[in-house]
Amino acid sequence: MQYYMAPMEGLTGYVYRNAFQRYFGGIDKYFTPFLANKKLSHRERNDILPEHNAGMDVVPQILANRAEDFLCIARELKAYGYDSVNLNLGCPSGTVAAKYRGAGFLALPAELDAFLGQIYETCELKISVKTRIGTEDAGEWETLLAIYEKYPLKELIIHPRLRRDYYKNVPNWEAYAYAAKHSRHSLCYNGDITDSERYAKLRERFPQTKKMMVGRGLLANPRLLEELRAWESCPAAGRDRTWTEREKDRLRAFCDDILAGYCAVMSGDRNVLFKMKELWTYMGELFEEPQKYLKRIRKAESLSAYEAAVSALFAECGLQGREQVSCGFDEDVLS
């Protein structure tokens, strides 16, 4: 199985990617949060600079519904040495969809078809697509997939939800099964892989799937891919495991590294705290009874108050986990 890190706006930028690579790794491809400006902004350029992504296979993602905008961004990325890009047809944000970009573009299949024709005819880079299965009704998917089949996609990443679902409801595995049966493209599954139990069900249903993109599940549990790979080797060992003190120390070092990274590139406590607080809305789920500590993190108005709250969380709260099952691996192998 190949694992991709999903692009999540405001969360999985190069500071986070570098820290994750240092402390956890195991990612085959990192996808950047979307680039939406015809001329890259300072923030966008920093995120894709090769020197900020050393040692990682990074694919920039583009959000556009005009071929000239897409091609302009692609040309700049080519100048930085990139040979492939990803088209975002999955973002469900209301402000994005209202402009018929991201998943909103799926509501205009004829225009989407023409757009794809232009970029695949002209762009010198390989183009993959990350898509939802429609905007309002799953019946849209057959038409959309037929459009994708007309073009030489590098790969097709499918998040089998509608735009109106946002991240609610369950992924539509029947829609993914339709693609698995009818698509000639290399497919990657994306959606709600948060633990080894869900992963096992997906693998049982779609054994031919060899690529998976993980987003929220990985933010909530940075050790998730280690658990999924353990499940591949021994299904019993792949269950959520008790965190050792060494692993807890690794998680703390990871969090501190992200904080240091933001402090180095951002000015003012407020901007850094906004980033870290957003991350803790996911990682807080790892701890046992963390509510009062997470409240202190949310209310922190200075870095010193934030660091005191995080220190208390790590010192006074255990980490979630069920009883570990051995399959002949020692702790060094599974950590």
Protein backbone atom coordinates (compact mmCIF):
# COMPACT_ATOMS: atom_id res chain seq x y z
CA MET A 1 0.00 0.00 0.00
CA GLN A 2 1.17 3.51 -0.83
CA TYR A 3 0.12 6.26 1.57
CA TYR A 4 -0.46 9.89 0.65
CA MET A 5 -0.90 12.82 3.04
CA ALA A 6 -4.03 14.73 2.10
CA PRO A 7 -3.77 18.48 1.54
CA MET A 8 -5.56 20.33 4.33
CA GLU A 9 -5.67 24.09 4.06
CA GLY A 10 -3.92 25.83 6.95
CA LEU A 11 -2.73 22.57 8.51
CA THR A 12 -0.44 20.49 6.29
CA GLY A 13 1.92 23.17 5.02
CA TYR A 14 5.67 22.68 4.83
CA VAL A 15 6.27 23.30 8.55
CA TYR A 16 3.94 20.44 9.45
CA ARG A 17 5.19 18.21 6.62
CA ASN A 18 8.83 18.55 7.68
CA ALA A 19 8.06 17.81 11.32
CA PHE A 20 5.97 14.80 10.36
CA GLN A 21 8.72 13.47 8.10
CA ARG A 22 11.28 13.79 10.91
CA TYR A 23 9.26 12.12 13.66
CA PHE A 24 6.91 9.70 11.90
CA GLY A 25 7.49 9.51 8.14
CA GLY A 26 6.12 6.65 6.06
CA ILE A 27 4.44 8.98 3.54
CA ASP A 28 4.92 8.09 -0.12
CA LYS A 29 3.56 11.42 -1.40
CA TYR A 30 2.72 14.70 0.28
CA PHE A 31 0.13 16.90 -1.44
CA THR A 32 0.29 20.62 -0.72
CA PRO A 33 -2.72 22.69 0.28
CA PHE A 34 -4.16 24.22 -2.86
CA LEU A 35 -2.54 27.03 -4.82
CA ALA A 36 -5.22 29.39 -6.08
CA ASN A 37 -3.44 32.53 -7.24
CA LYS A 38 -2.47 33.02 -10.87
CA LYS A 39 0.69 34.57 -9.47
CA LEU A 40 1.83 32.63 -6.40
CA SER A 41 1.65 34.57 -3.16
CA HIS A 42 4.61 34.73 -0.80
CA ARG A 43 2.95 32.13 1.44
CA GLU A 44 2.18 29.80 -1.47
CA ARG A 45 5.69 30.10 -2.87
CA ASN A 46 7.24 29.31 0.51
CA ASP A 47 5.15 26.16 0.71
CA ILE A 48 6.41 24.75 -2.60
CA LEU A 49 10.04 25.89 -2.52
CA PRO A 50 12.24 22.80 -3.05
CA GLU A 51 14.47 23.76 -0.12
CA HIS A 52 11.42 23.65 2.16
CA ASN A 53 10.51 20.14 1.01
CA ALA A 54 13.85 18.34 0.89
CA GLY A 55 13.70 14.56 1.10
CA MET A 56 9.96 14.38 0.42
CA ASP A 57 7.95 13.53 -2.69
CA VAL A 58 5.71 16.60 -2.85
CA VAL A 59 2.90 17.22 -5.34
CA PRO A 60 1.52 20.78 -5.52
CA GLN A 61 -2.25 21.03 -5.74
CA ILE A 62 -3.95 23.65 -7.91
CA LEU A 63 -7.43 25.10 -7.39
CA ALA A 64 -8.73 26.63 -10.64
CA ASN A 65 -11.61 26.56 -13.08
CA ARG A 66 -9.98 28.60 -15.85
CA ALA A 67 -7.41 26.84 -17.99
CA GLU A 68 -5.22 29.92 -18.31
CA ASP A 69 -4.99 30.23 -14.51
CA PHE A 70 -4.14 26.56 -14.09
CA LEU A 71 -1.50 26.68 -16.82
CA CYS A 72 0.06 29.85 -15.42
CA ILE A 73 0.52 28.23 -12.01
CA ALA A 74 1.77 25.02 -13.61
CA ARG A 75 4.44 26.90 -15.56
CA GLU A 76 5.75 28.50 -12.39
CA LEU A 77 5.83 25.12 -10.65
CA LYS A 78 7.74 23.63 -13.59
CA ALA A 79 10.35 26.39 -13.15
CA TYR A 80 10.84 25.16 -9.57
CA GLY A 81 11.51 21.65 -10.83
CA TYR A 82 8.13 19.98 -10.36
CA ASP A 83 7.06 17.40 -12.94
CA SER A 84 3.50 16.74 -11.74
CA VAL A 85 0.58 18.62 -10.20
CA ASN A 86 -2.81 17.76 -8.76
CA LEU A 87 -6.14 19.38 -9.68
CA ASN A 88 -8.46 20.06 -6.73
CA LEU A 89 -12.03 19.04 -7.54
CA GLY A 90 -12.79 18.04 -3.97
CA CYS A 91 -12.81 21.10 -1.70
CA PRO A 92 -16.40 21.46 -0.40
CA SER A 93 -15.98 24.93 1.17
CA GLY A 94 -18.93 27.19 0.49
CA THR A 95 -16.76 30.14 -0.53
CA VAL A 96 -14.79 27.94 -2.94
CA ALA A 97 -17.81 26.12 -4.40
CA ALA A 98 -19.74 29.38 -4.88
CA LYS A 99 -17.12 30.35 -7.47
CA TYR A 100 -17.45 26.92 -9.15
CA ARG A 101 -14.02 25.84 -8.02
CA GLY A 102 -13.05 22.73 -6.10
CA ALA A 103 -16.05 20.42 -5.73
CA GLY A 104 -18.24 23.27 -6.98
CA PHE A 105 -16.80 22.78 -10.49
CA LEU A 106 -18.44 19.33 -10.60
CA ALA A 107 -21.81 21.07 -11.01
CA LEU A 108 -20.72 22.17 -14.49
CA PRO A 109 -19.72 18.94 -16.27
CA ALA A 110 -19.60 20.44 -19.78
CA GLU A 111 -17.36 23.28 -18.62
CA LEU A 112 -15.23 20.84 -16.63
CA ASP A 113 -14.80 18.66 -19.71
CA ALA A 114 -13.67 21.65 -21.79
CA PHE A 115 -11.30 22.77 -19.04
CA LEU A 116 -9.69 19.33 -18.81
CA GLY A 117 -9.33 19.21 -22.57
CA GLN A 118 -7.40 22.48 -22.55
CA ILE A 119 -5.05 21.71 -19.67
CA TYR A 120 -4.23 18.17 -20.80
CA GLU A 121 -3.54 19.38 -24.31
CA THR A 122 -1.26 22.22 -23.20
CA CYS A 123 0.30 21.50 -19.78
CA GLU A 124 3.82 20.09 -19.81
CA LEU A 125 3.40 18.53 -16.36
CA LYS A 126 1.67 15.28 -15.43
CA ILE A 127 -1.74 15.99 -13.92
CA SER A 128 -3.59 13.93 -11.34
CA VAL A 129 -7.13 14.71 -10.15
CA LYS A 130 -8.60 14.66 -6.65
CA THR A 131 -12.39 14.57 -6.87
CA ARG A 132 -15.65 14.08 -5.06
CA ILE A 133 -18.43 12.08 -6.71
CA GLY A 134 -20.74 15.03 -7.38
CA THR A 135 -22.34 18.05 -5.83
CA GLU A 136 -25.90 17.11 -4.86
CA ASP A 137 -26.62 13.57 -6.00
CA ALA A 138 -24.57 10.40 -6.41
CA GLY A 139 -26.21 9.94 -9.81
CA GLU A 140 -23.79 12.61 -11.08
CA TRP A 141 -20.84 10.27 -10.64
CA GLU A 142 -21.32 8.18 -13.79
CA THR A 143 -21.18 11.31 -15.95
CA LEU A 144 -18.17 12.73 -14.13
CA LEU A 145 -16.21 9.49 -14.32
CA ALA A 146 -16.92 9.25 -18.04
CA ILE A 147 -15.35 12.68 -18.43
CA TYR A 148 -12.24 11.66 -16.49
CA GLU A 149 -11.89 8.56 -18.65
CA LYS A 150 -11.33 10.76 -21.70
CA TYR A 151 -8.04 12.18 -20.39
CA PRO A 152 -4.58 10.79 -19.47
CA LEU A 153 -4.81 11.30 -15.72
CA LYS A 154 -1.64 10.42 -13.84
CA GLU A 155 -3.97 9.06 -11.15
CA LEU A 156 -7.50 9.62 -9.89
CA ILE A 157 -7.92 10.25 -6.16
CA ILE A 158 -11.53 9.68 -5.13
CA HIS A 159 -13.17 11.01 -1.99
CA PRO A 160 -16.55 9.28 -2.37
CA ARG A 161 -18.71 11.99 -0.84
CA LEU A 162 -20.84 14.68 -2.43
CA ARG A 163 -19.94 18.33 -2.12
CA ARG A 164 -23.04 18.91 0.04
CA ASP A 165 -21.88 16.20 2.46
CA TYR A 166 -18.81 18.20 3.47
CA TYR A 167 -17.31 15.61 5.87
CA LYS A 168 -20.60 14.30 7.25
CA ASN A 169 -22.34 11.02 6.44
CA VAL A 170 -20.29 8.01 5.41
CA PRO A 171 -18.23 7.67 2.23
CA ASN A 172 -20.18 6.12 -0.64
CA TRP A 173 -18.34 2.87 -1.26
CA GLU A 174 -20.73 1.91 -4.04
CA ALA A 175 -19.55 4.95 -6.01
CA TYR A 176 -15.94 3.96 -5.40
CA ALA A 177 -16.77 0.39 -6.48
CA TYR A 178 -18.24 1.78 -9.72
CA ALA A 179 -14.93 3.54 -10.42
CA ALA A 180 -12.93 0.45 -9.54
CA LYS A 181 -14.94 -1.51 -12.11
CA HIS A 182 -15.18 1.07 -14.90
CA SER A 183 -12.10 3.27 -14.70
CA ARG A 184 -8.88 2.66 -16.60
CA HIS A 185 -6.99 5.01 -14.30
CA SER A 186 -4.79 4.23 -11.31
CA LEU A 187 -7.11 4.88 -8.35
CA CYS A 188 -6.39 6.20 -4.87
CA TYR A 189 -9.01 6.02 -2.10
CA ASN A 190 -9.58 8.94 0.30
CA GLY A 191 -12.07 9.25 3.12
CA ASP A 192 -12.51 8.36 6.81
CA ILE A 193 -9.55 6.03 7.32
CA THR A 194 -9.03 6.76 11.00
CA ASP A 195 -8.04 3.37 12.47
CA SER A 196 -7.04 -0.15 11.52
CA GLU A 197 -10.62 -1.44 11.84
CA ARG A 198 -11.90 0.85 9.08
CA TYR A 199 -8.79 0.17 7.06
CA ALA A 200 -9.38 -3.59 7.32
CA LYS A 201 -12.96 -3.20 6.04
CA LEU A 202 -11.75 -1.15 3.08
CA ARG A 203 -9.04 -3.67 2.22
CA GLU A 204 -11.54 -6.52 2.41
CA ARG A 205 -13.99 -4.72 0.10
CA PHE A 206 -11.36 -3.36 -2.31
CA PRO A 207 -8.29 -5.61 -2.26
CA GLN A 208 -7.20 -4.16 -5.62
CA THR A 209 -6.75 -0.68 -4.09
CA LYS A 210 -3.04 -0.03 -3.63
CA LYS A 211 -3.03 3.69 -2.83
CA MET A 212 -4.69 5.58 -0.02
CA MET A 213 -4.81 9.26 0.92
CA VAL A 214 -5.18 10.01 4.63
CA GLY A 215 -6.03 13.41 6.10
CA ARG A 216 -8.00 13.97 9.30
CA GLY A 217 -7.15 10.52 10.65
CA LEU A 218 -3.45 11.27 10.36
CA LEU A 219 -3.77 14.68 12.00
CA ALA A 220 -5.62 13.09 14.90
CA ASN A 221 -3.14 10.22 15.24
CA PRO A 222 0.31 10.81 13.68
CA ARG A 223 1.15 7.15 14.40
CA LEU A 224 -1.76 5.92 12.25
CA LEU A 225 0.31 4.69 9.32
CA GLU A 226 2.52 2.65 11.64
CA GLU A 227 -0.62 0.96 12.94
CA LEU A 228 -1.92 0.31 9.42
CA ARG A 229 1.39 -1.19 8.32
CA ALA A 230 1.42 -3.32 11.46
CA TRP A 231 -2.06 -4.55 10.52
CA GLU A 232 -0.78 -5.50 7.05
CA SER A 233 1.90 -7.67 8.69
CA CYS A 234 -0.33 -9.02 11.44
CA PRO A 235 -3.99 -7.94 11.71
CA ALA A 236 -4.11 -8.44 15.49
CA ALA A 237 -1.07 -6.20 16.03
CA GLY A 238 -2.61 -3.46 13.92
CA ARG A 239 -5.22 -2.61 16.51
CA ASP A 240 -4.78 0.66 18.40
CA ARG A 241 -1.89 0.06 20.79
CA THR A 242 -1.03 1.48 24.17
CA TRP A 243 1.39 4.36 23.81
CA THR A 244 4.69 3.77 25.56
CA GLU A 245 6.46 6.59 27.39
CA ARG A 246 8.99 6.71 24.57
CA GLU A 247 6.21 7.17 22.02
CA LYS A 248 4.62 9.83 24.20
CA ASP A 249 7.96 11.65 24.27
CA ARG A 250 8.13 11.39 20.48
CA LEU A 251 4.68 12.95 20.17
CA ARG A 252 5.70 15.81 22.47
CA ALA A 253 8.88 16.41 20.47
CA PHE A 254 6.80 16.42 17.28
CA CYS A 255 4.45 19.07 18.70
CA ASP A 256 7.37 21.16 19.92
CA ASP A 257 9.03 20.93 16.50
CA ILE A 258 5.89 22.22 14.77
CA LEU A 259 5.68 25.09 17.26
CA ALA A 260 9.34 26.00 16.72
CA GLY A 261 8.81 25.87 12.96
CA TYR A 262 5.90 28.30 13.07
CA CYS A 263 7.73 30.62 15.46
CA ALA A 264 10.64 30.75 12.99
CA VAL A 265 8.51 31.81 10.02
CA MET A 266 5.60 33.74 11.54
CA SER A 267 5.54 36.98 13.50
CA GLY A 268 3.57 37.43 16.69
CA ASP A 269 2.12 34.98 19.19
CA ARG A 270 -1.38 35.30 17.77
CA ASN A 271 -0.57 33.86 14.34
CA VAL A 272 1.43 30.97 15.79
CA LEU A 273 -1.24 30.20 18.38
CA PHE A 274 -3.96 30.12 15.72
CA LYS A 275 -2.05 27.41 13.86
CA MET A 276 -1.36 25.32 16.95
CA LYS A 277 -4.87 25.60 18.33
CA GLU A 278 -6.30 24.38 15.03
CA LEU A 279 -3.99 21.38 15.12
CA TRP A 280 -5.06 20.53 18.68
CA THR A 281 -8.70 20.23 17.57
CA TYR A 282 -7.50 16.99 15.97
CA MET A 283 -4.69 15.78 18.22
CA GLY A 284 -6.67 16.32 21.40
CA GLU A 285 -8.56 13.12 20.61
CA LEU A 286 -5.44 11.13 21.44
CA PHE A 287 -5.62 11.90 25.16
CA GLU A 288 -7.77 10.51 27.94
CA GLU A 289 -10.15 13.11 29.45
CA PRO A 290 -8.32 16.09 27.93
CA GLN A 291 -11.22 18.57 28.00
CA LYS A 292 -9.99 21.00 30.66
CA TYR A 293 -6.46 21.00 29.21
CA LEU A 294 -7.70 21.61 25.68
CA LYS A 295 -9.81 24.46 27.03
CA ARG A 296 -6.65 26.02 28.48
CA ILE A 297 -4.94 25.61 25.11
CA ARG A 298 -7.86 27.26 23.32
CA LYS A 299 -7.90 30.18 25.77
CA ALA A 300 -4.13 30.75 25.75
CA GLU A 301 -3.28 34.27 24.58
CA SER A 302 0.50 33.97 24.80
CA LEU A 303 3.04 31.32 23.86
CA SER A 304 4.01 30.91 27.50
CA ALA A 305 0.39 30.18 28.47
CA TYR A 306 0.07 27.78 25.55
CA GLU A 307 3.27 25.91 26.44
CA ALA A 308 2.20 25.62 30.09
CA ALA A 309 -1.16 24.14 29.01
CA VAL A 310 0.50 21.64 26.67
CA SER A 311 3.02 20.62 29.34
CA ALA A 312 0.17 19.97 31.78
CA LEU A 313 -1.70 17.92 29.18
CA PHE A 314 1.28 15.65 28.55
CA ALA A 315 2.16 15.37 32.24
CA GLU A 316 -1.32 14.67 33.58
CA CYS A 317 -3.22 12.87 30.80
CA GLY A 318 -2.65 9.41 29.44
CA LEU A 319 -2.89 8.57 25.76
CA GLN A 320 -5.72 6.54 24.29
CA GLY A 321 -5.08 2.92 23.40
CA ARG A 322 -6.37 -0.59 23.83
CA GLU A 323 -4.47 -3.63 24.94
CA GLN A 324 -1.54 -4.46 22.70
CA VAL A 325 -1.55 -7.81 20.89
CA SER A 326 1.79 -9.40 20.06
CA CYS A 327 2.48 -11.10 16.74
CA GLY A 328 6.15 -11.74 17.22
CA PHE A 329 7.27 -8.12 16.85
CA ASP A 330 9.12 -6.34 19.61
CA GLU A 331 8.33 -2.76 20.61
CA ASP A 332 11.21 -1.35 18.54
CA VAL A 333 9.69 -2.79 15.37
CA LEU A 334 6.20 -1.45 16.01
CA SER A 335 7.19 2.00 17.27
